[in-house]
Protein backbone atom coordinates (compact mmCIF):
# COMPACT_ATOMS: atom_id res chain seq x y z
CA UNK A 1 0.00 0.00 0.01
CA UNK A 2 1.05 3.56 -0.61
CA UNK A 3 2.14 5.53 2.42
CA UNK A 4 1.84 9.29 2.49
CA UNK A 5 4.59 10.93 4.53
CA UNK A 6 3.25 14.44 3.91
CA UNK A 7 -0.34 13.58 3.22
CA UNK A 8 -3.06 16.23 3.00
CA UNK A 9 -4.49 17.58 6.17
CA UNK A 10 -1.78 16.19 8.45
CA UNK A 11 -4.58 15.32 10.85
CA UNK A 12 -5.29 19.02 11.41
CA UNK A 13 -8.89 20.03 10.86
CA UNK A 14 -10.06 22.79 8.78
CA UNK A 15 -9.12 26.08 7.22
CA UNK A 16 -6.24 28.28 8.20
CA UNK A 17 -7.60 31.78 8.16
CA UNK A 18 -4.62 33.94 8.85
CA UNK A 19 -3.61 37.11 7.12
CA UNK A 20 -7.11 38.12 6.10
CA UNK A 21 -7.70 41.83 6.34
CA UNK A 22 -10.53 42.76 8.67
CA UNK A 23 -13.39 44.82 7.34
CA UNK A 24 -13.78 48.38 8.56
CA UNK A 25 -14.84 48.23 12.18
CA UNK A 26 -12.57 45.27 12.97
CA UNK A 27 -14.68 42.27 11.97
CA UNK A 28 -13.21 39.72 9.58
CA UNK A 29 -14.43 39.45 5.98
CA UNK A 30 -17.52 37.28 5.44
CA UNK A 31 -15.59 34.32 3.97
CA UNK A 32 -13.26 34.30 6.96
CA UNK A 33 -16.16 34.64 9.40
CA UNK A 34 -17.94 31.73 7.66
CA UNK A 35 -14.79 29.57 7.86
CA UNK A 36 -14.34 30.40 11.56
CA UNK A 37 -17.94 29.36 12.27
CA UNK A 38 -17.38 26.11 10.36
CA UNK A 39 -14.18 25.47 12.30
CA UNK A 40 -15.96 25.93 15.61
CA UNK A 41 -18.95 23.89 14.49
CA UNK A 42 -16.83 21.00 13.24
CA UNK A 43 -14.94 20.82 16.52
CA UNK A 44 -18.16 21.04 18.54
CA UNK A 45 -19.98 18.45 16.44
CA UNK A 46 -17.04 16.07 16.77
CA UNK A 47 -17.63 16.20 20.54
CA UNK A 48 -21.46 16.27 20.59
CA UNK A 49 -24.22 14.48 18.76
CA UNK A 50 -24.85 16.40 15.52
CA UNK A 51 -28.56 15.57 15.77
CA UNK A 52 -28.99 17.35 19.12
CA UNK A 53 -26.53 20.24 18.69
CA UNK A 54 -28.34 23.52 18.11
CA UNK A 55 -27.39 26.65 16.19
CA UNK A 56 -27.22 28.34 19.57
CA UNK A 57 -24.55 25.82 20.66
CA UNK A 58 -22.59 26.47 17.48
CA UNK A 59 -22.91 30.26 17.83
CA UNK A 60 -21.66 30.07 21.41
CA UNK A 61 -18.70 27.87 20.38
CA UNK A 62 -17.87 30.27 17.51
CA UNK A 63 -18.16 33.34 19.72
CA UNK A 64 -20.88 34.81 17.54
CA UNK A 65 -24.65 35.12 17.41
CA UNK A 66 -27.27 32.63 16.34
CA UNK A 67 -28.66 35.07 13.74
CA UNK A 68 -25.20 35.29 12.10
CA UNK A 69 -24.90 31.46 11.96
CA UNK A 70 -28.40 31.38 10.53
CA UNK A 71 -27.51 34.07 7.98
CA UNK A 72 -24.59 31.98 6.66
CA UNK A 73 -26.09 28.48 6.76
CA UNK A 74 -29.87 28.82 7.03
CA UNK A 75 -30.72 26.05 9.42
CA UNK A 76 -28.92 23.28 11.25
CA UNK A 77 -29.19 21.03 8.19
CA UNK A 78 -27.48 23.69 6.07
CA UNK A 79 -24.65 23.94 8.60
CA UNK A 80 -24.19 20.18 8.78
CA UNK A 81 -24.22 20.01 4.98
CA UNK A 82 -21.47 22.63 4.80
CA UNK A 83 -19.38 20.66 7.33
CA UNK A 84 -19.96 17.40 5.47
CA UNK A 85 -18.76 19.03 2.22
CA UNK A 86 -15.50 20.24 3.82
CA UNK A 87 -14.84 16.83 5.39
CA UNK A 88 -15.60 15.03 2.12
CA UNK A 89 -13.24 17.39 0.26
CA UNK A 90 -10.47 16.56 2.73
CA UNK A 91 -11.17 12.87 2.27
CA UNK A 92 -10.88 13.37 -1.47
CA UNK A 93 -7.53 15.15 -0.95
CA UNK A 94 -6.22 12.09 0.90
CA UNK A 95 -7.37 9.73 -1.88
CA UNK A 96 -6.21 11.97 -4.72
CA UNK A 97 -2.76 12.21 -3.13
CA UNK A 98 -2.20 8.52 -3.77
CA UNK A 99 -4.17 8.16 -7.01
CA UNK A 100 -2.05 10.81 -8.69
CA UNK A 101 1.05 8.73 -8.06
CA UNK A 102 -0.34 5.31 -8.87
CA UNK A 103 0.66 3.87 -12.22
CA UNK A 104 -1.00 0.44 -12.30
CA UNK A 105 -4.54 -0.80 -11.64
CA UNK A 106 -3.35 -2.59 -8.49
CA UNK A 107 -1.54 0.56 -7.40
CA UNK A 108 -4.69 2.63 -7.93
CA UNK A 109 -6.78 0.25 -5.79
CA UNK A 110 -4.09 0.32 -3.10
CA UNK A 111 -3.94 4.14 -3.27
CA UNK A 112 -7.71 4.42 -2.91
CA UNK A 113 -7.84 2.08 0.08
CA UNK A 114 -4.77 3.62 1.66
CA UNK A 115 -6.12 7.16 1.17
CA UNK A 116 -9.41 6.34 2.86
CA UNK A 117 -7.78 4.47 5.73
CA UNK A 118 -5.16 7.19 6.19
CA UNK A 119 -7.92 9.79 6.37
CA UNK A 120 -9.84 7.73 8.94
CA UNK A 121 -6.65 7.22 10.99
CA UNK A 122 -5.48 10.83 10.86
CA UNK A 123 -8.84 12.60 10.92
CA UNK A 124 -10.86 10.16 13.02
CA UNK A 125 -13.05 12.86 14.54
CA UNK A 126 -13.96 14.21 11.11
CA UNK A 127 -14.72 10.66 9.93
CA UNK A 128 -16.95 10.02 12.96
CA UNK A 129 -18.73 13.31 12.32
CA UNK A 130 -19.28 12.39 8.69
CA UNK A 131 -20.68 8.98 9.56
CA UNK A 132 -22.79 10.15 12.52
CA UNK A 133 -24.38 13.01 10.57
CA UNK A 134 -25.47 11.01 7.54
CA UNK A 135 -22.56 12.23 5.41
CA UNK A 136 -21.85 8.83 3.85
CA UNK A 137 -25.01 9.39 1.82
CA UNK A 138 -24.09 12.95 0.79
CA UNK A 139 -24.43 13.61 -2.98
CA UNK A 140 -20.84 14.90 -3.15
CA UNK A 141 -19.54 11.62 -1.74
CA UNK A 142 -21.64 9.69 -4.25
CA UNK A 143 -19.98 11.69 -7.04
CA UNK A 144 -16.55 11.11 -5.58
CA UNK A 145 -17.08 7.37 -5.31
CA UNK A 146 -18.09 7.33 -8.99
CA UNK A 147 -15.00 9.35 -9.90
CA UNK A 148 -12.74 7.12 -7.79
CA UNK A 149 -14.19 4.02 -9.46
CA UNK A 150 -13.49 5.50 -12.87
CA UNK A 151 -9.96 6.40 -11.82
CA UNK A 152 -9.31 2.85 -10.58
CA UNK A 153 -10.79 1.26 -13.71
CA UNK A 154 -9.43 3.66 -16.30
CA UNK A 155 -6.43 5.14 -14.65
CA UNK A 156 -7.60 8.76 -14.78
CA UNK A 157 -7.19 10.18 -11.25
CA UNK A 158 -8.77 13.52 -12.14
């Protein structure tokens, strides 16, 4: 199996949001604020049941207001969907890391399996969050599985 010494994520969750210029008045730009809310929500939901965690809980963890969380994500389902998408994208990064280097069908299968298991090992909390929140049935993950199957069968990792 392939081993990834400098694999994506390095077990660290989420987005680094440094160096962003604050808006006038001192608050960060909307994309940074959204990422910070997602960071806090992902950490909170890794510790608590996603089904029972409220937008108020997320707002408190993010140091912001419930109306602001609601403005960015709509409802709790919208927030969970946004978190699932970021976790699935990180999973795809782990898999793509190996698929891009694999040169044989056997190597592509090994890269796919190793990428998924490496993600689970290094980002266990994110994996548990994905599985406990219904993320294994997310449409993005369905598309990725189809793309991964094509990459394994045809050798195109893109």
